[in-house]
Amino acid sequence: MTREQAQARAAQLNAEHPERASHHWIARHGAEGWTVARIALPEGLAREPMTSTTEARPRPPTADDPRPVAHRNIGGPYAV
């Protein structure tokens, strides 16, 4: 098997295999040439099937400053 064939087979397995959520296939060069290796993904990294996306809601307008007028944006002791 050539490198290109191994990469194509690994891509096919990653896209179509029933265990693709818990395993990943890669092309690997060994003593006998190029092969496809299956790697088990750890529990936290398991790929879940695609789901529909959720759009973010528009943000609410910002509230007015609750501080008294004398304390709003005065800029410090050096403001003129």
N, C-alpha and C. Protein backbone atom coordinates (compact mmCIF):
# COMPACT_ATOMS: atom_id res chain seq x y z
N MET A 1 0.85 -1.16 0.00
CA MET A 1 0.00 0.00 0.00
C MET A 1 0.90 1.23 0.00
N THR A 2 0.58 2.21 -0.82
CA THR A 2 1.35 3.45 -0.86
C THR A 2 0.85 4.41 0.21
N ARG A 3 1.61 5.48 0.41
CA ARG A 3 1.21 6.48 1.41
C ARG A 3 -0.13 7.10 1.04
N GLU A 4 -0.31 7.44 -0.23
CA GLU A 4 -1.55 8.06 -0.68
C GLU A 4 -2.74 7.13 -0.47
N GLN A 5 -2.55 5.84 -0.76
CA GLN A 5 -3.63 4.87 -0.56
C GLN A 5 -3.97 4.74 0.92
N ALA A 6 -2.95 4.71 1.77
CA ALA A 6 -3.19 4.59 3.21
C ALA A 6 -3.90 5.83 3.75
N GLN A 7 -3.51 7.01 3.28
CA GLN A 7 -4.18 8.23 3.73
C GLN A 7 -5.62 8.28 3.24
N ALA A 8 -5.86 7.83 2.01
CA ALA A 8 -7.23 7.81 1.48
C ALA A 8 -8.09 6.82 2.27
N ARG A 9 -7.54 5.66 2.59
CA ARG A 9 -8.30 4.66 3.36
C ARG A 9 -8.57 5.17 4.77
N ALA A 10 -7.60 5.83 5.40
CA ALA A 10 -7.80 6.38 6.73
C ALA A 10 -8.89 7.46 6.71
N ALA A 11 -8.88 8.31 5.69
CA ALA A 11 -9.92 9.34 5.57
C ALA A 11 -11.29 8.71 5.39
N GLN A 12 -11.36 7.64 4.59
CA GLN A 12 -12.62 6.94 4.38
C GLN A 12 -13.13 6.34 5.69
N LEU A 13 -12.25 5.69 6.44
CA LEU A 13 -12.65 5.10 7.71
C LEU A 13 -13.08 6.17 8.72
N ASN A 14 -12.37 7.30 8.76
CA ASN A 14 -12.74 8.38 9.66
C ASN A 14 -14.10 8.97 9.32
N ALA A 15 -14.50 8.90 8.06
CA ALA A 15 -15.79 9.46 7.64
C ALA A 15 -16.94 8.47 7.73
N GLU A 16 -16.67 7.16 7.53
CA GLU A 16 -17.76 6.21 7.35
C GLU A 16 -17.86 5.11 8.40
N HIS A 17 -16.81 4.82 9.12
CA HIS A 17 -16.81 3.66 10.02
C HIS A 17 -17.78 3.87 11.19
N PRO A 18 -18.50 2.82 11.63
CA PRO A 18 -19.44 2.96 12.75
C PRO A 18 -18.78 3.39 14.07
N GLU A 19 -17.50 3.09 14.25
CA GLU A 19 -16.80 3.45 15.49
C GLU A 19 -16.05 4.78 15.37
N ARG A 20 -16.39 5.61 14.39
CA ARG A 20 -15.64 6.84 14.17
C ARG A 20 -15.78 7.84 15.32
N ALA A 21 -16.80 7.71 16.17
CA ALA A 21 -16.95 8.62 17.30
C ALA A 21 -15.95 8.31 18.40
N SER A 22 -15.50 7.07 18.50
CA SER A 22 -14.60 6.69 19.59
C SER A 22 -13.20 6.29 19.12
N HIS A 23 -12.97 6.24 17.80
CA HIS A 23 -11.67 5.86 17.25
C HIS A 23 -11.28 6.80 16.11
N HIS A 24 -9.98 6.86 15.84
CA HIS A 24 -9.45 7.67 14.75
C HIS A 24 -8.46 6.80 13.97
N TRP A 25 -8.47 6.89 12.66
CA TRP A 25 -7.56 6.10 11.83
C TRP A 25 -6.55 7.02 11.20
N ILE A 26 -5.28 6.55 11.15
CA ILE A 26 -4.19 7.32 10.56
C ILE A 26 -3.37 6.42 9.66
N ALA A 27 -2.67 7.04 8.69
CA ALA A 27 -1.72 6.31 7.85
C ALA A 27 -0.41 6.20 8.63
N ARG A 28 0.19 5.01 8.60
CA ARG A 28 1.41 4.77 9.39
C ARG A 28 2.41 3.98 8.56
N HIS A 29 3.67 4.40 8.62
CA HIS A 29 4.73 3.71 7.90
C HIS A 29 5.39 2.72 8.84
N GLY A 30 5.40 1.46 8.44
CA GLY A 30 6.01 0.42 9.27
C GLY A 30 7.04 -0.36 8.48
N ALA A 31 7.45 -1.49 9.02
CA ALA A 31 8.46 -2.33 8.38
C ALA A 31 7.94 -2.92 7.07
N GLU A 32 6.65 -3.15 6.98
CA GLU A 32 6.06 -3.75 5.78
C GLU A 32 5.49 -2.72 4.82
N GLY A 33 5.76 -1.46 5.04
CA GLY A 33 5.23 -0.40 4.18
C GLY A 33 4.14 0.39 4.91
N TRP A 34 3.30 1.04 4.13
CA TRP A 34 2.25 1.89 4.69
C TRP A 34 1.04 1.05 5.07
N THR A 35 0.51 1.33 6.27
CA THR A 35 -0.70 0.66 6.75
C THR A 35 -1.61 1.70 7.39
N VAL A 36 -2.81 1.27 7.75
CA VAL A 36 -3.75 2.14 8.45
C VAL A 36 -3.84 1.65 9.89
N ALA A 37 -3.66 2.56 10.82
CA ALA A 37 -3.71 2.21 12.25
C ALA A 37 -4.94 2.84 12.89
N ARG A 38 -5.58 2.08 13.78
CA ARG A 38 -6.75 2.56 14.51
C ARG A 38 -6.30 2.99 15.90
N ILE A 39 -6.69 4.19 16.30
CA ILE A 39 -6.33 4.74 17.60
C ILE A 39 -7.62 5.00 18.38
N ALA A 40 -7.70 4.45 19.58
CA ALA A 40 -8.86 4.70 20.45
C ALA A 40 -8.71 6.07 21.09
N LEU A 41 -9.76 6.87 21.02
CA LEU A 41 -9.74 8.20 21.63
C LEU A 41 -10.11 8.09 23.10
N PRO A 42 -9.48 8.88 23.97
CA PRO A 42 -9.87 8.88 25.39
C PRO A 42 -11.31 9.34 25.54
N GLU A 43 -11.92 9.02 26.67
CA GLU A 43 -13.33 9.34 26.90
C GLU A 43 -13.65 10.81 26.68
N GLY A 44 -12.82 11.71 27.18
CA GLY A 44 -13.09 13.14 27.05
C GLY A 44 -12.94 13.67 25.64
N LEU A 45 -12.22 12.95 24.79
CA LEU A 45 -11.98 13.42 23.43
C LEU A 45 -12.85 12.73 22.39
N ALA A 46 -13.74 11.86 22.81
CA ALA A 46 -14.58 11.15 21.85
C ALA A 46 -15.40 12.16 21.05
N ARG A 47 -15.42 11.98 19.75
CA ARG A 47 -16.15 12.88 18.88
C ARG A 47 -17.62 12.48 18.86
N GLU A 48 -18.47 13.43 19.15
CA GLU A 48 -19.91 13.18 19.13
C GLU A 48 -20.43 13.44 17.71
N PRO A 49 -21.52 12.80 17.35
CA PRO A 49 -22.11 13.08 16.04
C PRO A 49 -22.51 14.55 15.93
N MET A 50 -22.52 15.06 14.72
CA MET A 50 -22.87 16.45 14.49
C MET A 50 -24.32 16.71 14.91
N THR A 51 -24.55 17.86 15.53
CA THR A 51 -25.90 18.26 15.91
C THR A 51 -26.18 19.62 15.30
N SER A 52 -27.43 20.03 15.39
CA SER A 52 -27.78 21.33 14.82
C SER A 52 -27.13 22.44 15.64
N THR A 53 -26.87 23.55 15.00
CA THR A 53 -26.22 24.66 15.68
C THR A 53 -27.27 25.51 16.39
N THR A 54 -26.83 26.21 17.40
CA THR A 54 -27.70 27.12 18.14
C THR A 54 -27.18 28.53 17.92
N GLU A 55 -28.06 29.40 17.46
CA GLU A 55 -27.65 30.77 17.22
C GLU A 55 -27.73 31.56 18.52
N ALA A 56 -26.82 32.48 18.68
CA ALA A 56 -26.82 33.33 19.87
C ALA A 56 -27.91 34.39 19.75
N ARG A 57 -28.55 34.67 20.86
CA ARG A 57 -29.57 35.73 20.87
C ARG A 57 -28.87 37.08 20.88
N PRO A 58 -29.55 38.12 20.39
CA PRO A 58 -28.93 39.45 20.47
C PRO A 58 -28.77 39.86 21.94
N ARG A 59 -27.72 40.58 22.20
CA ARG A 59 -27.46 41.01 23.57
C ARG A 59 -28.42 42.13 23.95
N PRO A 60 -28.85 42.15 25.19
CA PRO A 60 -29.73 43.24 25.63
C PRO A 60 -28.94 44.55 25.70
N PRO A 61 -29.62 45.67 25.62
CA PRO A 61 -28.90 46.94 25.69
C PRO A 61 -28.27 47.10 27.08
N THR A 62 -27.19 47.85 27.13
CA THR A 62 -26.51 48.05 28.41
C THR A 62 -27.35 48.97 29.29
N ALA A 63 -27.32 48.72 30.57
CA ALA A 63 -28.09 49.51 31.52
C ALA A 63 -27.41 50.85 31.76
N ASP A 64 -28.20 51.81 32.22
CA ASP A 64 -27.65 53.11 32.56
C ASP A 64 -26.76 52.97 33.79
N ASP A 65 -25.84 53.90 33.96
CA ASP A 65 -24.94 53.89 35.10
C ASP A 65 -25.73 54.20 36.37
N PRO A 66 -25.72 53.29 37.36
CA PRO A 66 -26.53 53.52 38.57
C PRO A 66 -25.91 54.49 39.57
N ARG A 67 -24.69 54.94 39.32
CA ARG A 67 -24.03 55.85 40.27
C ARG A 67 -24.64 57.26 40.18
N PRO A 68 -24.53 58.01 41.27
CA PRO A 68 -25.02 59.40 41.22
C PRO A 68 -24.21 60.21 40.20
N VAL A 69 -24.79 61.30 39.73
CA VAL A 69 -24.17 62.12 38.70
C VAL A 69 -22.81 62.64 39.15
N ALA A 70 -22.64 62.95 40.40
CA ALA A 70 -21.38 63.50 40.90
C ALA A 70 -20.25 62.48 40.85
N HIS A 71 -20.56 61.19 40.76
CA HIS A 71 -19.53 60.16 40.77
C HIS A 71 -19.28 59.52 39.41
N ARG A 72 -20.01 59.91 38.38
CA ARG A 72 -19.88 59.28 37.07
C ARG A 72 -18.71 59.87 36.28
N ASN A 73 -17.85 59.04 35.81
CA ASN A 73 -16.80 59.39 34.85
C ASN A 73 -16.15 60.74 35.14
N ILE A 74 -15.74 60.95 36.37
CA ILE A 74 -15.13 62.24 36.69
C ILE A 74 -13.66 62.29 36.30
N GLY A 75 -13.03 61.17 36.06
CA GLY A 75 -11.69 61.16 35.51
C GLY A 75 -10.57 61.30 36.52
N GLY A 76 -10.82 61.39 37.77
CA GLY A 76 -9.76 61.46 38.75
C GLY A 76 -9.50 62.88 39.22
N PRO A 77 -8.50 63.06 40.10
CA PRO A 77 -8.26 64.37 40.70
C PRO A 77 -7.67 65.39 39.73
N TYR A 78 -7.16 64.96 38.57
CA TYR A 78 -6.50 65.90 37.67
C TYR A 78 -7.39 66.31 36.51
N ALA A 79 -8.63 65.89 36.50
CA ALA A 79 -9.53 66.23 35.40
C ALA A 79 -9.89 67.71 35.48
N VAL A 80 -9.98 68.34 34.34
CA VAL A 80 -10.32 69.76 34.30
C VAL A 80 -11.73 69.93 33.83
